[in-house]
mmCIF file of all heavy atoms, coordinates in Angstrom:
data_MODEL
# 
_entry.id   MODEL 
# 
loop_
_atom_site.group_PDB 
_atom_site.id 
_atom_site.type_symbol 
_atom_site.label_atom_id 
_atom_site.label_alt_id 
_atom_site.label_comp_id 
_atom_site.label_asym_id 
_atom_site.label_entity_id 
_atom_site.label_seq_id 
_atom_site.pdbx_PDB_ins_code 
_atom_site.Cartn_x 
_atom_site.Cartn_y 
_atom_site.Cartn_z 
_atom_site.occupancy 
_atom_site.B_iso_or_equiv 
_atom_site.pdbx_formal_charge 
_atom_site.auth_seq_id 
_atom_site.auth_comp_id 
_atom_site.auth_asym_id 
_atom_site.auth_atom_id 
_atom_site.pdbx_PDB_model_num 
ATOM 1   N N   . ILE A 1 1  ? 13.692 -1.356  -18.155 1.00 0.00 ? 1  ILE A N   1 
ATOM 2   C CA  . ILE A 1 1  ? 13.787 -0.926  -19.552 1.00 0.00 ? 1  ILE A CA  1 
ATOM 3   C C   . ILE A 1 1  ? 14.675 -1.900  -20.316 1.00 0.00 ? 1  ILE A C   1 
ATOM 4   O O   . ILE A 1 1  ? 15.766 -2.249  -19.843 1.00 0.00 ? 1  ILE A O   1 
ATOM 5   C CB  . ILE A 1 1  ? 14.407 0.495   -19.648 1.00 0.00 ? 1  ILE A CB  1 
ATOM 6   C CG1 . ILE A 1 1  ? 13.654 1.494   -18.787 1.00 0.00 ? 1  ILE A CG1 1 
ATOM 7   C CG2 . ILE A 1 1  ? 14.525 0.942   -21.103 1.00 0.00 ? 1  ILE A CG2 1 
ATOM 8   C CD1 . ILE A 1 1  ? 12.273 1.816   -19.243 1.00 0.00 ? 1  ILE A CD1 1 
ATOM 9   N N   . VAL A 1 2  ? 14.226 -2.325  -21.490 1.00 0.00 ? 2  VAL A N   1 
ATOM 10  C CA  . VAL A 1 2  ? 15.077 -3.159  -22.345 1.00 0.00 ? 2  VAL A CA  1 
ATOM 11  C C   . VAL A 1 2  ? 15.145 -2.550  -23.743 1.00 0.00 ? 2  VAL A C   1 
ATOM 12  O O   . VAL A 1 2  ? 14.245 -1.838  -24.174 1.00 0.00 ? 2  VAL A O   1 
ATOM 13  C CB  . VAL A 1 2  ? 14.580 -4.624  -22.435 1.00 0.00 ? 2  VAL A CB  1 
ATOM 14  C CG1 . VAL A 1 2  ? 14.576 -5.286  -21.074 1.00 0.00 ? 2  VAL A CG1 1 
ATOM 15  C CG2 . VAL A 1 2  ? 13.231 -4.726  -23.077 1.00 0.00 ? 2  VAL A CG2 1 
ATOM 16  N N   . GLY A 1 3  ? 16.245 -2.846  -24.415 1.00 0.00 ? 3  GLY A N   1 
ATOM 17  C CA  . GLY A 1 3  ? 16.392 -2.440  -25.808 1.00 0.00 ? 3  GLY A CA  1 
ATOM 18  C C   . GLY A 1 3  ? 16.858 -1.007  -26.009 1.00 0.00 ? 3  GLY A C   1 
ATOM 19  O O   . GLY A 1 3  ? 16.632 -0.441  -27.076 1.00 0.00 ? 3  GLY A O   1 
ATOM 20  N N   . LEU A 1 4  ? 17.523 -0.433  -25.036 1.00 0.00 ? 4  LEU A N   1 
ATOM 21  C CA  . LEU A 1 4  ? 18.023 0.935   -25.201 1.00 0.00 ? 4  LEU A CA  1 
ATOM 22  C C   . LEU A 1 4  ? 19.134 0.942   -26.247 1.00 0.00 ? 4  LEU A C   1 
ATOM 23  O O   . LEU A 1 4  ? 20.091 0.183   -26.151 1.00 0.00 ? 4  LEU A O   1 
ATOM 24  C CB  . LEU A 1 4  ? 18.555 1.464   -23.864 1.00 0.00 ? 4  LEU A CB  1 
ATOM 25  C CG  . LEU A 1 4  ? 19.072 2.898   -23.861 1.00 0.00 ? 4  LEU A CG  1 
ATOM 26  C CD1 . LEU A 1 4  ? 17.956 3.877   -24.228 1.00 0.00 ? 4  LEU A CD1 1 
ATOM 27  C CD2 . LEU A 1 4  ? 19.653 3.240   -22.499 1.00 0.00 ? 4  LEU A CD2 1 
ATOM 28  N N   . ARG A 1 5  ? 18.968 1.775   -27.259 1.00 0.00 ? 5  ARG A N   1 
ATOM 29  C CA  . ARG A 1 5  ? 19.944 1.864   -28.347 1.00 0.00 ? 5  ARG A CA  1 
ATOM 30  C C   . ARG A 1 5  ? 19.962 3.293   -28.872 1.00 0.00 ? 5  ARG A C   1 
ATOM 31  O O   . ARG A 1 5  ? 19.106 4.092   -28.515 1.00 0.00 ? 5  ARG A O   1 
ATOM 32  C CB  . ARG A 1 5  ? 19.597 0.868   -29.449 1.00 0.00 ? 5  ARG A CB  1 
ATOM 33  C CG  . ARG A 1 5  ? 18.235 1.098   -30.075 1.00 0.00 ? 5  ARG A CG  1 
ATOM 34  C CD  . ARG A 1 5  ? 17.922 0.055   -31.138 1.00 0.00 ? 5  ARG A CD  1 
ATOM 35  N NE  . ARG A 1 5  ? 16.654 0.329   -31.766 1.00 0.00 ? 5  ARG A NE  1 
ATOM 36  C CZ  . ARG A 1 5  ? 16.456 1.215   -32.736 1.00 0.00 ? 5  ARG A CZ  1 
ATOM 37  N NH1 . ARG A 1 5  ? 17.447 1.922   -33.222 1.00 0.00 ? 5  ARG A NH1 1 
ATOM 38  N NH2 . ARG A 1 5  ? 15.263 1.399   -33.259 1.00 0.00 ? 5  ARG A NH2 1 
ATOM 39  N N   . PRO A 1 6  ? 20.942 3.594   -29.726 1.00 0.00 ? 6  PRO A N   1 
ATOM 40  C CA  . PRO A 1 6  ? 20.997 4.954   -30.290 1.00 0.00 ? 6  PRO A CA  1 
ATOM 41  C C   . PRO A 1 6  ? 19.722 5.270   -31.066 1.00 0.00 ? 6  PRO A C   1 
ATOM 42  O O   . PRO A 1 6  ? 19.162 4.372   -31.686 1.00 0.00 ? 6  PRO A O   1 
ATOM 43  C CB  . PRO A 1 6  ? 22.199 4.902   -31.229 1.00 0.00 ? 6  PRO A CB  1 
ATOM 44  C CG  . PRO A 1 6  ? 23.037 3.765   -30.723 1.00 0.00 ? 6  PRO A CG  1 
ATOM 45  C CD  . PRO A 1 6  ? 22.057 2.772   -30.145 1.00 0.00 ? 6  PRO A CD  1 
ATOM 46  N N   . PRO A 1 7  ? 19.298 6.481   -31.033 1.00 0.00 ? 7  PRO A N   1 
ATOM 47  C CA  . PRO A 1 7  ? 19.848 7.649   -30.345 1.00 0.00 ? 7  PRO A CA  1 
ATOM 48  C C   . PRO A 1 7  ? 19.326 7.822   -28.920 1.00 0.00 ? 7  PRO A C   1 
ATOM 49  O O   . PRO A 1 7  ? 19.742 8.736   -28.222 1.00 0.00 ? 7  PRO A O   1 
ATOM 50  C CB  . PRO A 1 7  ? 19.384 8.810   -31.221 1.00 0.00 ? 7  PRO A CB  1 
ATOM 51  C CG  . PRO A 1 7  ? 18.048 8.368   -31.720 1.00 0.00 ? 7  PRO A CG  1 
ATOM 52  C CD  . PRO A 1 7  ? 18.163 6.869   -31.908 1.00 0.00 ? 7  PRO A CD  1 
ATOM 53  N N   . LEU A 1 8  ? 18.426 6.931   -28.475 1.00 0.00 ? 8  LEU A N   1 
ATOM 54  C CA  . LEU A 1 8  ? 17.857 7.106   -27.135 1.00 0.00 ? 8  LEU A CA  1 
ATOM 55  C C   . LEU A 1 8  ? 18.892 6.944   -26.036 1.00 0.00 ? 8  LEU A C   1 
ATOM 56  O O   . LEU A 1 8  ? 18.781 7.584   -24.988 1.00 0.00 ? 8  LEU A O   1 
ATOM 57  C CB  . LEU A 1 8  ? 16.697 6.146   -26.906 1.00 0.00 ? 8  LEU A CB  1 
ATOM 58  C CG  . LEU A 1 8  ? 15.448 6.377   -27.744 1.00 0.00 ? 8  LEU A CG  1 
ATOM 59  C CD1 . LEU A 1 8  ? 14.355 5.406   -27.342 1.00 0.00 ? 8  LEU A CD1 1 
ATOM 60  C CD2 . LEU A 1 8  ? 14.967 7.795   -27.641 1.00 0.00 ? 8  LEU A CD2 1 
ATOM 61  N N   . ASP A 1 9  ? 19.898 6.109   -26.250 1.00 0.00 ? 9  ASP A N   1 
ATOM 62  C CA  . ASP A 1 9  ? 20.905 5.932   -25.212 1.00 0.00 ? 9  ASP A CA  1 
ATOM 63  C C   . ASP A 1 9  ? 21.609 7.250   -24.897 1.00 0.00 ? 9  ASP A C   1 
ATOM 64  O O   . ASP A 1 9  ? 21.881 7.562   -23.745 1.00 0.00 ? 9  ASP A O   1 
ATOM 65  C CB  . ASP A 1 9  ? 21.902 4.842   -25.575 1.00 0.00 ? 9  ASP A CB  1 
ATOM 66  C CG  . ASP A 1 9  ? 22.685 5.124   -26.843 1.00 0.00 ? 9  ASP A CG  1 
ATOM 67  O OD1 . ASP A 1 9  ? 22.257 5.961   -27.668 1.00 0.00 ? 9  ASP A OD1 1 
ATOM 68  O OD2 . ASP A 1 9  ? 23.736 4.477   -27.019 1.00 0.00 ? 9  ASP A OD2 1 
ATOM 69  N N   . ARG A 1 10 ? 21.847 8.046   -25.915 1.00 0.00 ? 10 ARG A N   1 
ATOM 70  C CA  . ARG A 1 10 ? 22.487 9.356   -25.718 1.00 0.00 ? 10 ARG A CA  1 
ATOM 71  C C   . ARG A 1 10 ? 21.561 10.297  -24.933 1.00 0.00 ? 10 ARG A C   1 
ATOM 72  O O   . ARG A 1 10 ? 22.003 10.990  -24.024 1.00 0.00 ? 10 ARG A O   1 
ATOM 73  C CB  . ARG A 1 10 ? 22.852 9.971   -27.079 1.00 0.00 ? 10 ARG A CB  1 
ATOM 74  C CG  . ARG A 1 10 ? 23.520 11.298  -26.982 1.00 0.00 ? 10 ARG A CG  1 
ATOM 75  C CD  . ARG A 1 10 ? 24.954 11.154  -26.509 1.00 0.00 ? 10 ARG A CD  1 
ATOM 76  N NE  . ARG A 1 10 ? 25.591 12.457  -26.571 1.00 0.00 ? 10 ARG A NE  1 
ATOM 77  C CZ  . ARG A 1 10 ? 26.303 12.964  -25.585 1.00 0.00 ? 10 ARG A CZ  1 
ATOM 78  N NH1 . ARG A 1 10 ? 26.511 12.277  -24.495 1.00 0.00 ? 10 ARG A NH1 1 
ATOM 79  N NH2 . ARG A 1 10 ? 26.828 14.153  -25.705 1.00 0.00 ? 10 ARG A NH2 1 
ATOM 80  N N   . LEU A 1 11 ? 20.283 10.285  -25.252 1.00 0.00 ? 11 LEU A N   1 
ATOM 81  C CA  . LEU A 1 11 ? 19.306 11.095  -24.522 1.00 0.00 ? 11 LEU A CA  1 
ATOM 82  C C   . LEU A 1 11 ? 19.274 10.685  -23.055 1.00 0.00 ? 11 LEU A C   1 
ATOM 83  O O   . LEU A 1 11 ? 19.297 11.538  -22.156 1.00 0.00 ? 11 LEU A O   1 
ATOM 84  C CB  . LEU A 1 11 ? 17.920 10.953  -25.147 1.00 0.00 ? 11 LEU A CB  1 
ATOM 85  C CG  . LEU A 1 11 ? 16.758 11.632  -24.437 1.00 0.00 ? 11 LEU A CG  1 
ATOM 86  C CD1 . LEU A 1 11 ? 16.930 13.144  -24.443 1.00 0.00 ? 11 LEU A CD1 1 
ATOM 87  C CD2 . LEU A 1 11 ? 15.437 11.233  -25.084 1.00 0.00 ? 11 LEU A CD2 1 
ATOM 88  N N   . PHE A 1 12 ? 19.230 9.391   -22.783 1.00 0.00 ? 12 PHE A N   1 
ATOM 89  C CA  . PHE A 1 12 ? 19.205 8.895   -21.405 1.00 0.00 ? 12 PHE A CA  1 
ATOM 90  C C   . PHE A 1 12 ? 20.451 9.355   -20.649 1.00 0.00 ? 12 PHE A C   1 
ATOM 91  O O   . PHE A 1 12 ? 20.377 9.744   -19.491 1.00 0.00 ? 12 PHE A O   1 
ATOM 92  C CB  . PHE A 1 12 ? 19.120 7.366   -21.388 1.00 0.00 ? 12 PHE A CB  1 
ATOM 93  C CG  . PHE A 1 12 ? 17.731 6.816   -21.533 1.00 0.00 ? 12 PHE A CG  1 
ATOM 94  C CD1 . PHE A 1 12 ? 16.850 7.274   -22.503 1.00 0.00 ? 12 PHE A CD1 1 
ATOM 95  C CD2 . PHE A 1 12 ? 17.311 5.798   -20.709 1.00 0.00 ? 12 PHE A CD2 1 
ATOM 96  C CE1 . PHE A 1 12 ? 15.579 6.743   -22.635 1.00 0.00 ? 12 PHE A CE1 1 
ATOM 97  C CE2 . PHE A 1 12 ? 16.042 5.257   -20.824 1.00 0.00 ? 12 PHE A CE2 1 
ATOM 98  C CZ  . PHE A 1 12 ? 15.178 5.733   -21.787 1.00 0.00 ? 12 PHE A CZ  1 
ATOM 99  N N   . GLN A 1 13 ? 21.618 9.302   -21.320 1.00 0.00 ? 13 GLN A N   1 
ATOM 100 C CA  . GLN A 1 13 ? 22.871 9.727   -20.685 1.00 0.00 ? 13 GLN A CA  1 
ATOM 101 C C   . GLN A 1 13 ? 22.885 11.229  -20.418 1.00 0.00 ? 13 GLN A C   1 
ATOM 102 O O   . GLN A 1 13 ? 23.306 11.667  -19.343 1.00 0.00 ? 13 GLN A O   1 
ATOM 103 C CB  . GLN A 1 13 ? 24.061 9.350   -21.558 1.00 0.00 ? 13 GLN A CB  1 
ATOM 104 C CG  . GLN A 1 13 ? 24.317 7.870   -21.633 1.00 0.00 ? 13 GLN A CG  1 
ATOM 105 C CD  . GLN A 1 13 ? 25.348 7.517   -22.691 1.00 0.00 ? 13 GLN A CD  1 
ATOM 106 O OE1 . GLN A 1 13 ? 25.843 8.371   -23.412 1.00 0.00 ? 13 GLN A OE1 1 
ATOM 107 N NE2 . GLN A 1 13 ? 25.660 6.230   -22.781 1.00 0.00 ? 13 GLN A NE2 1 
ATOM 108 N N   . LEU A 1 14 ? 22.439 12.013  -21.379 1.00 0.00 ? 14 LEU A N   1 
ATOM 109 C CA  . LEU A 1 14 ? 22.467 13.469  -21.233 1.00 0.00 ? 14 LEU A CA  1 
ATOM 110 C C   . LEU A 1 14 ? 21.638 13.960  -20.049 1.00 0.00 ? 14 LEU A C   1 
ATOM 111 O O   . LEU A 1 14 ? 22.041 14.876  -19.338 1.00 0.00 ? 14 LEU A O   1 
ATOM 112 C CB  . LEU A 1 14 ? 21.981 14.155  -22.512 1.00 0.00 ? 14 LEU A CB  1 
ATOM 113 C CG  . LEU A 1 14 ? 22.954 14.171  -23.675 1.00 0.00 ? 14 LEU A CG  1 
ATOM 114 C CD1 . LEU A 1 14 ? 22.266 14.704  -24.927 1.00 0.00 ? 14 LEU A CD1 1 
ATOM 115 C CD2 . LEU A 1 14 ? 24.182 15.006  -23.338 1.00 0.00 ? 14 LEU A CD2 1 
ATOM 116 N N   . VAL A 1 15 ? 20.481 13.348  -19.851 1.00 0.00 ? 15 VAL A N   1 
ATOM 117 C CA  . VAL A 1 15 ? 19.617 13.804  -18.763 1.00 0.00 ? 15 VAL A CA  1 
ATOM 118 C C   . VAL A 1 15 ? 19.807 12.990  -17.480 1.00 0.00 ? 15 VAL A C   1 
ATOM 119 O O   . VAL A 1 15 ? 19.232 13.327  -16.458 1.00 0.00 ? 15 VAL A O   1 
ATOM 120 C CB  . VAL A 1 15 ? 18.125 13.831  -19.179 1.00 0.00 ? 15 VAL A CB  1 
ATOM 121 C CG1 . VAL A 1 15 ? 17.906 14.803  -20.314 1.00 0.00 ? 15 VAL A CG1 1 
ATOM 122 C CG2 . VAL A 1 15 ? 17.633 12.456  -19.535 1.00 0.00 ? 15 VAL A CG2 1 
ATOM 123 N N   . GLY A 1 16 ? 20.595 11.949  -17.533 1.00 0.00 ? 16 GLY A N   1 
ATOM 124 C CA  . GLY A 1 16 ? 20.931 11.182  -16.341 1.00 0.00 ? 16 GLY A CA  1 
ATOM 125 C C   . GLY A 1 16 ? 19.971 10.083  -15.950 1.00 0.00 ? 16 GLY A C   1 
ATOM 126 O O   . GLY A 1 16 ? 20.141 9.469   -14.901 1.00 0.00 ? 16 GLY A O   1 
ATOM 127 N N   . VAL A 1 17 ? 18.961 9.800   -16.768 1.00 0.00 ? 17 VAL A N   1 
ATOM 128 C CA  . VAL A 1 17 ? 18.021 8.740   -16.390 1.00 0.00 ? 17 VAL A CA  1 
ATOM 129 C C   . VAL A 1 17 ? 18.646 7.356   -16.531 1.00 0.00 ? 17 VAL A C   1 
ATOM 130 O O   . VAL A 1 17 ? 18.128 6.393   -15.953 1.00 0.00 ? 17 VAL A O   1 
ATOM 131 C CB  . VAL A 1 17 ? 16.673 8.819   -17.154 1.00 0.00 ? 17 VAL A CB  1 
ATOM 132 C CG1 . VAL A 1 17 ? 15.922 10.073  -16.810 1.00 0.00 ? 17 VAL A CG1 1 
ATOM 133 C CG2 . VAL A 1 17 ? 16.866 8.672   -18.631 1.00 0.00 ? 17 VAL A CG2 1 
ATOM 134 N N   . ASP A 1 18 ? 19.761 7.256   -17.242 1.00 0.00 ? 18 ASP A N   1 
ATOM 135 C CA  . ASP A 1 18 ? 20.436 5.962   -17.350 1.00 0.00 ? 18 ASP A CA  1 
ATOM 136 C C   . ASP A 1 18 ? 20.969 5.494   -15.999 1.00 0.00 ? 18 ASP A C   1 
ATOM 137 O O   . ASP A 1 18 ? 21.163 4.298   -15.786 1.00 0.00 ? 18 ASP A O   1 
ATOM 138 C CB  . ASP A 1 18 ? 21.552 5.998   -18.386 1.00 0.00 ? 18 ASP A CB  1 
ATOM 139 C CG  . ASP A 1 18 ? 22.653 6.978   -18.041 1.00 0.00 ? 18 ASP A CG  1 
ATOM 140 O OD1 . ASP A 1 18 ? 22.358 8.046   -17.469 1.00 0.00 ? 18 ASP A OD1 1 
ATOM 141 O OD2 . ASP A 1 18 ? 23.824 6.686   -18.368 1.00 0.00 ? 18 ASP A OD2 1 
ATOM 142 N N   . THR A 1 19 ? 21.181 6.416   -15.058 1.00 0.00 ? 19 THR A N   1 
ATOM 143 C CA  . THR A 1 19 ? 21.638 6.047   -13.716 1.00 0.00 ? 19 THR A CA  1 
ATOM 144 C C   . THR A 1 19 ? 20.466 5.827   -12.761 1.00 0.00 ? 19 THR A C   1 
ATOM 145 O O   . THR A 1 19 ? 20.643 5.238   -11.707 1.00 0.00 ? 19 THR A O   1 
ATOM 146 C CB  . THR A 1 19 ? 22.576 7.124   -13.137 1.00 0.00 ? 19 THR A CB  1 
ATOM 147 O OG1 . THR A 1 19 ? 21.864 8.358   -13.026 1.00 0.00 ? 19 THR A OG1 1 
ATOM 148 C CG2 . THR A 1 19 ? 23.800 7.312   -14.014 1.00 0.00 ? 19 THR A CG2 1 
ATOM 149 N N   . LEU A 1 20 ? 19.294 6.286   -13.123 1.00 0.00 ? 20 LEU A N   1 
ATOM 150 C CA  . LEU A 1 20 ? 18.105 6.157   -12.282 1.00 0.00 ? 20 LEU A CA  1 
ATOM 151 C C   . LEU A 1 20 ? 17.315 4.890   -12.600 1.00 0.00 ? 20 LEU A C   1 
ATOM 152 O O   . LEU A 1 20 ? 16.860 4.192   -11.703 1.00 0.00 ? 20 LEU A O   1 
ATOM 153 C CB  . LEU A 1 20 ? 17.199 7.381   -12.473 1.00 0.00 ? 20 LEU A CB  1 
ATOM 154 C CG  . LEU A 1 20 ? 15.842 7.353   -11.800 1.00 0.00 ? 20 LEU A CG  1 
ATOM 155 C CD1 . LEU A 1 20 ? 15.998 7.436   -10.285 1.00 0.00 ? 20 LEU A CD1 1 
ATOM 156 C CD2 . LEU A 1 20 ? 14.981 8.499   -12.306 1.00 0.00 ? 20 LEU A CD2 1 
ATOM 157 N N   . LEU A 1 21 ? 17.152 4.599   -13.877 1.00 0.00 ? 21 LEU A N   1 
ATOM 158 C CA  . LEU A 1 21 ? 16.313 3.489   -14.315 1.00 0.00 ? 21 LEU A CA  1 
ATOM 159 C C   . LEU A 1 21 ? 17.099 2.183   -14.394 1.00 0.00 ? 21 LEU A C   1 
ATOM 160 O O   . LEU A 1 21 ? 18.308 2.186   -14.608 1.00 0.00 ? 21 LEU A O   1 
ATOM 161 C CB  . LEU A 1 21 ? 15.704 3.809   -15.680 1.00 0.00 ? 21 LEU A CB  1 
ATOM 162 C CG  . LEU A 1 21 ? 14.837 5.062   -15.741 1.00 0.00 ? 21 LEU A CG  1 
ATOM 163 C CD1 . LEU A 1 21 ? 14.407 5.332   -17.170 1.00 0.00 ? 21 LEU A CD1 1 
ATOM 164 C CD2 . LEU A 1 21 ? 13.637 4.947   -14.824 1.00 0.00 ? 21 LEU A CD2 1 
ATOM 165 N N   . ARG A 1 22 ? 16.375 1.077   -14.260 1.00 0.00 ? 22 ARG A N   1 
ATOM 166 C CA  . ARG A 1 22 ? 16.984 -0.253  -14.413 1.00 0.00 ? 22 ARG A CA  1 
ATOM 167 C C   . ARG A 1 22 ? 16.923 -0.612  -15.892 1.00 0.00 ? 22 ARG A C   1 
ATOM 168 O O   . ARG A 1 22 ? 15.848 -0.785  -16.456 1.00 0.00 ? 22 ARG A O   1 
ATOM 169 C CB  . ARG A 1 22 ? 16.225 -1.268  -13.576 1.00 0.00 ? 22 ARG A CB  1 
ATOM 170 C CG  . ARG A 1 22 ? 16.299 -0.927  -12.079 1.00 0.00 ? 22 ARG A CG  1 
ATOM 171 C CD  . ARG A 1 22 ? 15.578 -1.936  -11.247 1.00 0.00 ? 22 ARG A CD  1 
ATOM 172 N NE  . ARG A 1 22 ? 16.360 -3.178  -11.250 1.00 0.00 ? 22 ARG A NE  1 
ATOM 173 C CZ  . ARG A 1 22 ? 15.886 -4.334  -10.805 1.00 0.00 ? 22 ARG A CZ  1 
ATOM 174 N NH1 . ARG A 1 22 ? 14.665 -4.428  -10.346 1.00 0.00 ? 22 ARG A NH1 1 
ATOM 175 N NH2 . ARG A 1 22 ? 16.647 -5.418  -10.813 1.00 0.00 ? 22 ARG A NH2 1 
ATOM 176 N N   . ILE A 1 23 ? 18.097 -0.729  -16.516 1.00 0.00 ? 23 ILE A N   1 
ATOM 177 C CA  . ILE A 1 23 ? 18.192 -0.960  -17.952 1.00 0.00 ? 23 ILE A CA  1 
ATOM 178 C C   . ILE A 1 23 ? 18.869 -2.301  -18.198 1.00 0.00 ? 23 ILE A C   1 
ATOM 179 O O   . ILE A 1 23 ? 19.915 -2.596  -17.611 1.00 0.00 ? 23 ILE A O   1 
ATOM 180 C CB  . ILE A 1 23 ? 18.969 0.188   -18.634 1.00 0.00 ? 23 ILE A CB  1 
ATOM 181 C CG1 . ILE A 1 23 ? 18.244 1.509   -18.381 1.00 0.00 ? 23 ILE A CG1 1 
ATOM 182 C CG2 . ILE A 1 23 ? 19.136 -0.083  -20.125 1.00 0.00 ? 23 ILE A CG2 1 
ATOM 183 C CD1 . ILE A 1 23 ? 18.999 2.746   -18.824 1.00 0.00 ? 23 ILE A CD1 1 
ATOM 184 N N   . PHE A 1 24 ? 18.252 -3.100  -19.078 1.00 0.00 ? 24 PHE A N   1 
ATOM 185 C CA  . PHE A 1 24 ? 18.739 -4.438  -19.388 1.00 0.00 ? 24 PHE A CA  1 
ATOM 186 C C   . PHE A 1 24 ? 18.854 -4.605  -20.901 1.00 0.00 ? 24 PHE A C   1 
ATOM 187 O O   . PHE A 1 24 ? 18.096 -3.995  -21.650 1.00 0.00 ? 24 PHE A O   1 
ATOM 188 C CB  . PHE A 1 24 ? 17.768 -5.498  -18.841 1.00 0.00 ? 24 PHE A CB  1 
ATOM 189 C CG  . PHE A 1 24 ? 17.589 -5.427  -17.362 1.00 0.00 ? 24 PHE A CG  1 
ATOM 190 C CD1 . PHE A 1 24 ? 16.623 -4.605  -16.800 1.00 0.00 ? 24 PHE A CD1 1 
ATOM 191 C CD2 . PHE A 1 24 ? 18.391 -6.169  -16.517 1.00 0.00 ? 24 PHE A CD2 1 
ATOM 192 C CE1 . PHE A 1 24 ? 16.451 -4.520  -15.424 1.00 0.00 ? 24 PHE A CE1 1 
ATOM 193 C CE2 . PHE A 1 24 ? 18.231 -6.094  -15.135 1.00 0.00 ? 24 PHE A CE2 1 
ATOM 194 C CZ  . PHE A 1 24 ? 17.262 -5.273  -14.593 1.00 0.00 ? 24 PHE A CZ  1 
ATOM 195 N N   . PRO A 1 25 ? 19.765 -5.470  -21.351 1.00 0.00 ? 25 PRO A N   1 
ATOM 196 C CA  . PRO A 1 25 ? 19.908 -5.660  -22.795 1.00 0.00 ? 25 PRO A CA  1 
ATOM 197 C C   . PRO A 1 25 ? 18.744 -6.425  -23.442 1.00 0.00 ? 25 PRO A C   1 
ATOM 198 O O   . PRO A 1 25 ? 18.392 -6.168  -24.586 1.00 0.00 ? 25 PRO A O   1 
ATOM 199 C CB  . PRO A 1 25 ? 21.221 -6.436  -22.940 1.00 0.00 ? 25 PRO A CB  1 
ATOM 200 C CG  . PRO A 1 25 ? 21.522 -6.987  -21.596 1.00 0.00 ? 25 PRO A CG  1 
ATOM 201 C CD  . PRO A 1 25 ? 20.804 -6.149  -20.587 1.00 0.00 ? 25 PRO A CD  1 
ATOM 202 N N   . THR A 1 26 ? 18.149 -7.366  -22.706 1.00 0.00 ? 26 THR A N   1 
ATOM 203 C CA  . THR A 1 26 ? 17.086 -8.195  -23.272 1.00 0.00 ? 26 THR A CA  1 
ATOM 204 C C   . THR A 1 26 ? 15.935 -8.380  -22.286 1.00 0.00 ? 26 THR A C   1 
ATOM 205 O O   . THR A 1 26 ? 16.111 -8.183  -21.071 1.00 0.00 ? 26 THR A O   1 
ATOM 206 C CB  . THR A 1 26 ? 17.599 -9.593  -23.657 1.00 0.00 ? 26 THR A CB  1 
ATOM 207 O OG1 . THR A 1 26 ? 17.929 -10.292 -22.446 1.00 0.00 ? 26 THR A OG1 1 
ATOM 208 C CG2 . THR A 1 26 ? 18.799 -9.533  -24.583 1.00 0.00 ? 26 THR A CG2 1 
ATOM 209 N N   . VAL A 1 27 ? 14.806 -8.800  -22.801 1.00 0.00 ? 27 VAL A N   1 
ATOM 210 C CA  . VAL A 1 27 ? 13.653 -9.115  -21.947 1.00 0.00 ? 27 VAL A CA  1 
ATOM 211 C C   . VAL A 1 27 ? 14.009 -10.256 -21.004 1.00 0.00 ? 27 VAL A C   1 
ATOM 212 O O   . VAL A 1 27 ? 13.666 -10.221 -19.817 1.00 0.00 ? 27 VAL A O   1 
ATOM 213 C CB  . VAL A 1 27 ? 12.413 -9.452  -22.800 1.00 0.00 ? 27 VAL A CB  1 
ATOM 214 C CG1 . VAL A 1 27 ? 11.288 -10.011 -21.938 1.00 0.00 ? 27 VAL A CG1 1 
ATOM 215 C CG2 . VAL A 1 27 ? 11.935 -8.247  -23.579 1.00 0.00 ? 27 VAL A CG2 1 
ATOM 216 N N   . ALA A 1 28 ? 14.728 -11.260 -21.493 1.00 0.00 ? 28 ALA A N   1 
ATOM 217 C CA  . ALA A 1 28 ? 15.116 -12.388 -20.643 1.00 0.00 ? 28 ALA A CA  1 
ATOM 218 C C   . ALA A 1 28 ? 15.971 -11.924 -19.465 1.00 0.00 ? 28 ALA A C   1 
ATOM 219 O O   . ALA A 1 28 ? 15.779 -12.387 -18.337 1.00 0.00 ? 28 ALA A O   1 
ATOM 220 C CB  . ALA A 1 28 ? 15.864 -13.429 -21.473 1.00 0.00 ? 28 ALA A CB  1 
ATOM 221 N N   . ASP A 1 29 ? 16.891 -11.014 -19.706 1.00 0.00 ? 29 ASP A N   1 
ATOM 222 C CA  . ASP A 1 29 ? 17.705 -10.482 -18.620 1.00 0.00 ? 29 ASP A CA  1 
ATOM 223 C C   . ASP A 1 29 ? 16.853 -9.719  -17.615 1.00 0.00 ? 29 ASP A C   1 
ATOM 224 O O   . ASP A 1 29 ? 17.045 -9.832  -16.403 1.00 0.00 ? 29 ASP A O   1 
ATOM 225 C CB  . ASP A 1 29 ? 18.794 -9.546  -19.172 1.00 0.00 ? 29 ASP A CB  1 
ATOM 226 C CG  . ASP A 1 29 ? 19.859 -10.287 -19.954 1.00 0.00 ? 29 ASP A CG  1 
ATOM 227 O OD1 . ASP A 1 29 ? 20.162 -11.450 -19.622 1.00 0.00 ? 29 ASP A OD1 1 
ATOM 228 O OD2 . ASP A 1 29 ? 20.389 -9.694  -20.904 1.00 0.00 ? 29 ASP A OD2 1 
# 
C-alpha cells in the first residue's frame, strides 16, 4: 500500500490493518 494519509490512516490504525499490511510512503519505496 502506498499513499496512506488522513483520514484513512486513522481508519487503518483503529482496526489494526496498519500492522498487518505493508505500507510505504511512495511507489518507488
